[in-house]
């Protein structure tokens, strides 16, 4: 069954001479959660994205903060908004904001002045294994972060939350305190390791909160050699827990070029949901993302 339309809920663009991207700057190390990123350390424009997505019915895209230097956060938003103003895409922008910063409110206000900004992402992945962790500490324990998070509602901003399974119950408790801040779990909560009990329990803690949703993407973060069969139970578990109307497929391009071609992921999503109804598939491939990001 062919995909009828696709709203890509997780895309990154960058021009390395325009903004600073520390993680895309040499020297490149093989250590870390993604291994070496040298293969994607070159400009990635809208033209590059649509070249990769050729043959798939992409209608709209959501740009997620691309790891620019924190001091370039507002400049990234200004650049992306200029692209949208002249060419119509990206259709929505999820900007960066260090929510634990004492100066976070002026930045949130600045982002919110741009028509296509819908929310904030501040990557929170913390893991006891230094090869897995993205951050030196768990910011969900940080009072300054909690304060910054609470400001999002004032500016009508959602939060794209990227965490590991061990942080999901804590994230659910935080989200429950702020029902006016929509929360979108990135990359299915990144279920790593052989024991998925913690991940399932984390999903079950988040799902009862009606203002939470989840993006299904980033399979290579789980297993760099993933196959349709290996991720099928994870994807079906996610959809069963949240429902199709709170799940959105996404490409995570170009980051996922480290692991797979664009078509490998889209074809896998298509195959895994082939027995779903037309309405359910439309939610998964387009409708949920349109609702979450107010498109």
Protein backbone atom coordinates (compact mmCIF):
# COMPACT_ATOMS: atom_id res chain seq x y z
CA UNK A 1 0.00 0.00 0.00
CA UNK A 2 1.55 3.29 -1.07
CA UNK A 3 1.91 6.26 1.28
CA UNK A 4 -0.72 8.80 0.22
CA UNK A 5 0.88 11.87 1.81
CA UNK A 6 3.71 12.52 4.22
CA UNK A 7 4.28 15.34 6.68
CA UNK A 8 7.85 14.83 7.82
CA UNK A 9 7.86 15.65 11.53
CA UNK A 10 11.64 15.66 12.07
CA UNK A 11 14.02 17.29 9.57
CA UNK A 12 17.31 19.16 10.00
CA UNK A 13 18.88 21.72 7.66
CA UNK A 14 22.25 23.40 8.00
CA UNK A 15 24.77 25.57 6.23
CA UNK A 16 28.09 25.20 7.98
CA UNK A 17 29.42 28.62 7.01
CA UNK A 18 26.25 30.37 8.16
CA UNK A 19 26.04 29.08 11.73
CA UNK A 20 28.33 27.21 14.12
CA UNK A 21 27.64 23.51 14.65
CA UNK A 22 30.15 22.13 17.16
CA UNK A 23 29.05 18.52 16.62
CA UNK A 24 29.63 18.84 12.85
CA UNK A 25 33.06 20.42 13.22
CA UNK A 26 36.34 18.43 13.04
CA UNK A 27 37.96 16.55 14.62
CA UNK A 28 35.42 13.76 14.38
CA UNK A 29 35.50 11.00 16.98
CA UNK A 30 34.13 7.49 16.58
CA UNK A 31 33.02 7.50 20.20
CA UNK A 32 29.71 8.91 21.35
CA UNK A 33 26.07 7.97 20.76
CA UNK A 34 26.18 8.39 16.97
CA UNK A 35 29.73 7.34 16.20
CA UNK A 36 31.54 9.58 13.73
CA UNK A 37 29.30 12.17 12.04
CA UNK A 38 31.87 13.06 9.38
CA UNK A 39 29.67 11.56 6.66
CA UNK A 40 27.00 14.23 7.19
CA UNK A 41 29.28 17.16 8.02
CA UNK A 42 28.47 19.16 4.90
CA UNK A 43 25.71 21.60 3.96
CA UNK A 44 22.20 20.14 3.92
CA UNK A 45 19.62 22.34 2.22
CA UNK A 46 15.99 22.01 1.23
CA UNK A 47 17.16 20.94 -2.22
CA UNK A 48 19.28 18.19 -0.66
CA UNK A 49 16.34 17.02 1.45
CA UNK A 50 13.95 16.79 -1.48
CA UNK A 51 16.60 14.97 -3.51
CA UNK A 52 16.78 12.35 -0.76
CA UNK A 53 12.97 12.25 -0.48
CA UNK A 54 12.38 11.90 -4.22
CA UNK A 55 9.52 9.52 -4.96
CA UNK A 56 7.74 10.09 -1.66
CA UNK A 57 4.71 12.43 -1.29
CA UNK A 58 6.21 14.95 1.15
CA UNK A 59 3.70 17.78 1.65
CA UNK A 60 5.15 19.59 4.67
CA UNK A 61 8.23 19.44 6.87
CA UNK A 62 8.95 20.31 10.49
CA UNK A 63 12.45 21.58 11.21
CA UNK A 64 13.89 20.47 14.54
CA UNK A 65 16.82 22.30 16.11
CA UNK A 66 19.96 21.06 14.40
CA UNK A 67 22.52 21.41 17.16
CA UNK A 68 23.77 24.89 16.31
CA UNK A 69 25.93 26.64 18.88
CA UNK A 70 23.65 27.92 21.69
CA UNK A 71 24.62 31.49 20.87
CA UNK A 72 23.29 30.92 17.33
CA UNK A 73 19.88 29.64 18.44
CA UNK A 74 17.96 32.76 17.46
CA UNK A 75 20.01 33.17 14.27
CA UNK A 76 18.96 29.65 13.26
CA UNK A 77 15.32 30.58 13.72
CA UNK A 78 15.74 33.80 11.72
CA UNK A 79 17.37 31.89 8.86
CA UNK A 80 14.72 29.18 8.80
CA UNK A 81 11.91 31.72 8.93
CA UNK A 82 13.46 33.53 5.97
CA UNK A 83 13.41 30.25 4.03
CA UNK A 84 9.77 29.72 4.95
CA UNK A 85 8.84 33.28 4.03
CA UNK A 86 10.36 32.97 0.56
CA UNK A 87 9.72 29.30 -0.27
CA UNK A 88 7.05 28.04 2.11
CA UNK A 89 9.25 25.53 3.94
CA UNK A 90 9.96 24.56 6.63
CA UNK A 91 6.29 24.69 7.58
CA UNK A 92 7.06 24.64 11.29
CA UNK A 93 10.17 25.33 13.36
CA UNK A 94 11.16 23.73 16.66
CA UNK A 95 13.90 25.98 17.95
CA UNK A 96 16.67 25.45 20.48
CA UNK A 97 16.58 26.91 23.94
CA UNK A 98 18.73 25.92 26.92
CA UNK A 99 15.89 25.83 29.42
CA UNK A 100 18.33 25.73 32.35
CA UNK A 101 19.86 29.07 31.31
CA UNK A 102 19.16 32.09 33.54
CA UNK A 103 18.60 34.10 30.34
CA UNK A 104 16.11 31.72 28.77
CA UNK A 105 13.02 33.96 28.78
CA UNK A 106 14.29 36.62 26.34
CA UNK A 107 15.32 33.81 23.96
CA UNK A 108 11.88 32.19 24.16
CA UNK A 109 10.28 35.56 23.50
CA UNK A 110 12.56 36.07 20.50
CA UNK A 111 11.75 32.67 19.02
CA UNK A 112 8.01 33.22 19.55
CA UNK A 113 8.07 36.38 17.42
CA UNK A 114 8.63 34.21 14.32
CA UNK A 115 5.50 32.98 12.60
CA UNK A 116 6.57 29.38 12.02
CA UNK A 117 8.00 28.66 15.48
CA UNK A 118 5.89 26.11 17.32
CA UNK A 119 8.10 24.86 20.13
CA UNK A 120 11.48 24.20 21.69
CA UNK A 121 13.82 21.24 21.82
CA UNK A 122 16.55 20.92 24.43
CA UNK A 123 18.15 17.47 24.18
CA UNK A 124 18.08 15.80 27.60
CA UNK A 125 19.50 12.33 26.89
CA UNK A 126 21.41 11.38 30.01
CA UNK A 127 22.86 7.93 30.57
CA UNK A 128 25.24 6.49 33.15
CA UNK A 129 27.30 5.05 30.28
CA UNK A 130 29.53 7.91 29.05
CA UNK A 131 29.39 6.44 25.53
CA UNK A 132 25.63 6.81 25.52
CA UNK A 133 25.05 10.11 27.28
CA UNK A 134 24.52 13.41 25.45
CA UNK A 135 24.63 15.55 28.60
CA UNK A 136 26.93 15.56 31.65
CA UNK A 137 24.00 15.44 34.07
CA UNK A 138 20.28 14.68 34.11
CA UNK A 139 18.65 18.07 33.62
CA UNK A 140 15.32 16.66 34.74
CA UNK A 141 16.83 16.93 38.24
CA UNK A 142 17.71 20.62 37.72
CA UNK A 143 15.53 23.33 39.29
CA UNK A 144 16.69 25.89 36.73
CA UNK A 145 15.55 23.60 33.93
CA UNK A 146 12.19 23.08 35.62
CA UNK A 147 11.71 26.85 35.79
CA UNK A 148 12.59 27.34 32.13
CA UNK A 149 10.30 24.51 31.11
CA UNK A 150 7.44 26.15 32.96
CA UNK A 151 7.84 29.30 30.84
CA UNK A 152 6.96 27.51 27.59
CA UNK A 153 3.20 27.88 28.07
CA UNK A 154 3.55 31.67 28.41
CA UNK A 155 4.83 31.77 24.82
CA UNK A 156 2.48 29.08 23.44
CA UNK A 157 5.39 26.73 22.83
CA UNK A 158 5.43 22.93 22.85
CA UNK A 159 8.40 20.82 23.94
CA UNK A 160 10.13 18.17 21.84
CA UNK A 161 11.64 15.91 24.48
CA UNK A 162 14.57 13.66 23.59
CA UNK A 163 15.41 11.29 26.44
CA UNK A 164 16.33 7.71 27.21
CA UNK A 165 13.91 5.17 28.73
CA UNK A 166 15.42 5.62 32.20
CA UNK A 167 14.23 9.24 32.18
CA UNK A 168 10.70 8.67 30.91
CA UNK A 169 8.87 8.28 34.21
CA UNK A 170 10.54 11.43 35.50
CA UNK A 171 9.55 13.22 32.29
CA UNK A 172 5.97 12.05 32.73
CA UNK A 173 5.89 13.52 36.22
CA UNK A 174 7.17 16.84 34.88
CA UNK A 175 4.69 16.86 32.01
CA UNK A 176 1.80 16.11 34.39
CA UNK A 177 2.53 19.33 36.26
CA UNK A 178 2.14 21.36 33.05
CA UNK A 179 -0.87 20.11 31.09
CA UNK A 180 -0.79 23.31 29.01
CA UNK A 181 2.61 22.43 27.46
CA UNK A 182 2.30 19.84 24.65
CA UNK A 183 5.09 17.24 24.82
CA UNK A 184 6.37 15.31 21.81
CA UNK A 185 8.66 12.37 22.60
CA UNK A 186 11.43 12.13 19.99
CA UNK A 187 12.59 8.88 18.37
CA UNK A 188 10.19 6.63 20.32
CA UNK A 189 12.12 7.35 23.52
CA UNK A 190 15.25 5.70 22.05
CA UNK A 191 14.79 2.14 23.38
CA UNK A 192 18.34 0.88 23.76
CA UNK A 193 19.69 -2.29 25.34
CA UNK A 194 18.40 -5.85 25.44
CA UNK A 195 15.87 -5.26 28.25
CA UNK A 196 12.96 -3.17 26.99
CA UNK A 197 10.91 -3.33 30.18
CA UNK A 198 12.03 0.15 31.27
CA UNK A 199 11.08 1.55 27.87
CA UNK A 200 7.63 -0.05 27.89
CA UNK A 201 7.00 1.20 31.42
CA UNK A 202 8.14 4.66 30.39
CA UNK A 203 5.77 4.75 27.43
CA UNK A 204 2.97 3.57 29.70
CA UNK A 205 3.71 6.43 32.12
CA UNK A 206 3.61 9.10 29.41
CA UNK A 207 0.71 7.84 27.32
CA UNK A 208 -2.12 8.55 29.82
CA UNK A 209 -1.29 12.26 29.64
CA UNK A 210 -3.48 13.59 26.79
CA UNK A 211 -1.03 16.36 25.92
CA UNK A 212 1.76 13.91 25.06
CA UNK A 213 2.59 12.34 21.70
CA UNK A 214 5.49 10.48 20.13
CA UNK A 215 7.52 10.59 16.92
CA UNK A 216 8.58 7.30 15.35
CA UNK A 217 12.00 7.89 13.83
CA UNK A 218 15.70 7.47 14.43
CA UNK A 219 15.86 3.68 14.14
CA UNK A 220 19.64 3.84 13.81
CA UNK A 221 19.94 5.20 17.33
CA UNK A 222 18.55 1.87 18.51
CA UNK A 223 20.47 -0.39 16.15
CA UNK A 224 22.78 0.83 13.40
CA UNK A 225 22.03 -2.35 11.44
CA UNK A 226 18.28 -2.30 11.94
CA UNK A 227 15.84 -4.11 9.65
CA UNK A 228 12.11 -3.85 9.13
CA UNK A 229 11.63 -7.03 11.14
CA UNK A 230 13.85 -5.87 14.00
CA UNK A 231 12.00 -2.59 14.54
CA UNK A 232 8.51 -3.88 13.80
CA UNK A 233 7.69 -4.84 17.43
CA UNK A 234 9.01 -1.51 18.74
CA UNK A 235 6.94 0.51 16.29
CA UNK A 236 3.80 -1.54 16.87
CA UNK A 237 4.25 -1.28 20.65
CA UNK A 238 4.56 2.50 20.38
CA UNK A 239 1.44 2.80 18.24
CA UNK A 240 -0.51 0.45 20.50
CA UNK A 241 0.42 2.47 23.58
CA UNK A 242 -0.27 5.97 22.21
CA UNK A 243 -2.69 5.29 19.35
CA UNK A 244 -2.22 6.39 15.73
CA UNK A 245 -3.66 9.83 16.45
CA UNK A 246 -0.74 10.57 18.81
CA UNK A 247 2.06 8.99 16.74
CA UNK A 248 3.88 10.59 13.82
CA UNK A 249 6.39 9.04 11.47
CA UNK A 250 9.48 11.10 10.63
CA UNK A 251 12.67 10.73 8.61
CA UNK A 252 15.20 12.40 10.96
CA UNK A 253 17.15 13.36 7.86
CA UNK A 254 19.98 13.95 7.33
CA UNK A 255 21.07 12.54 10.72
CA UNK A 256 19.67 9.14 9.81
CA UNK A 257 21.85 9.10 6.69
CA UNK A 258 24.45 7.78 9.11
CA UNK A 259 22.37 4.60 9.33
CA UNK A 260 20.01 4.24 6.37
CA UNK A 261 18.67 5.70 3.17
CA UNK A 262 15.50 7.80 3.27
CA UNK A 263 13.53 5.12 1.48
CA UNK A 264 14.56 2.35 3.85
CA UNK A 265 12.77 4.03 6.75
CA UNK A 266 9.70 5.15 4.80
CA UNK A 267 9.32 1.74 3.19
CA UNK A 268 9.62 0.06 6.58
CA UNK A 269 6.92 2.30 8.07
CA UNK A 270 4.72 1.58 5.06
CA UNK A 271 5.18 -2.17 5.34
CA UNK A 272 4.67 -2.31 9.11
CA UNK A 273 1.37 -0.41 8.91
CA UNK A 274 0.01 -1.98 5.73
CA UNK A 275 -2.90 -3.58 7.60
CA UNK A 276 -3.92 -0.35 9.35
CA UNK A 277 -6.99 1.55 8.16
CA UNK A 278 -6.65 4.45 5.73
CA UNK A 279 -7.52 6.93 8.49
CA UNK A 280 -4.95 5.42 10.86
CA UNK A 281 -2.25 5.56 8.22
CA UNK A 282 -3.10 9.15 7.40
CA UNK A 283 -2.71 10.05 11.07
CA UNK A 284 0.64 8.29 11.29
CA UNK A 285 2.09 9.71 8.08
CA UNK A 286 0.56 13.20 8.14
CA UNK A 287 -2.41 14.07 10.34
CA UNK A 288 -0.77 13.73 13.75
CA UNK A 289 2.16 15.91 12.73
CA UNK A 290 -0.24 18.54 11.35
CA UNK A 291 -2.09 18.65 14.65
CA UNK A 292 0.98 18.61 16.88
CA UNK A 293 2.73 21.37 14.99
CA UNK A 294 -0.36 23.39 14.09
CA UNK A 295 0.10 23.10 10.34
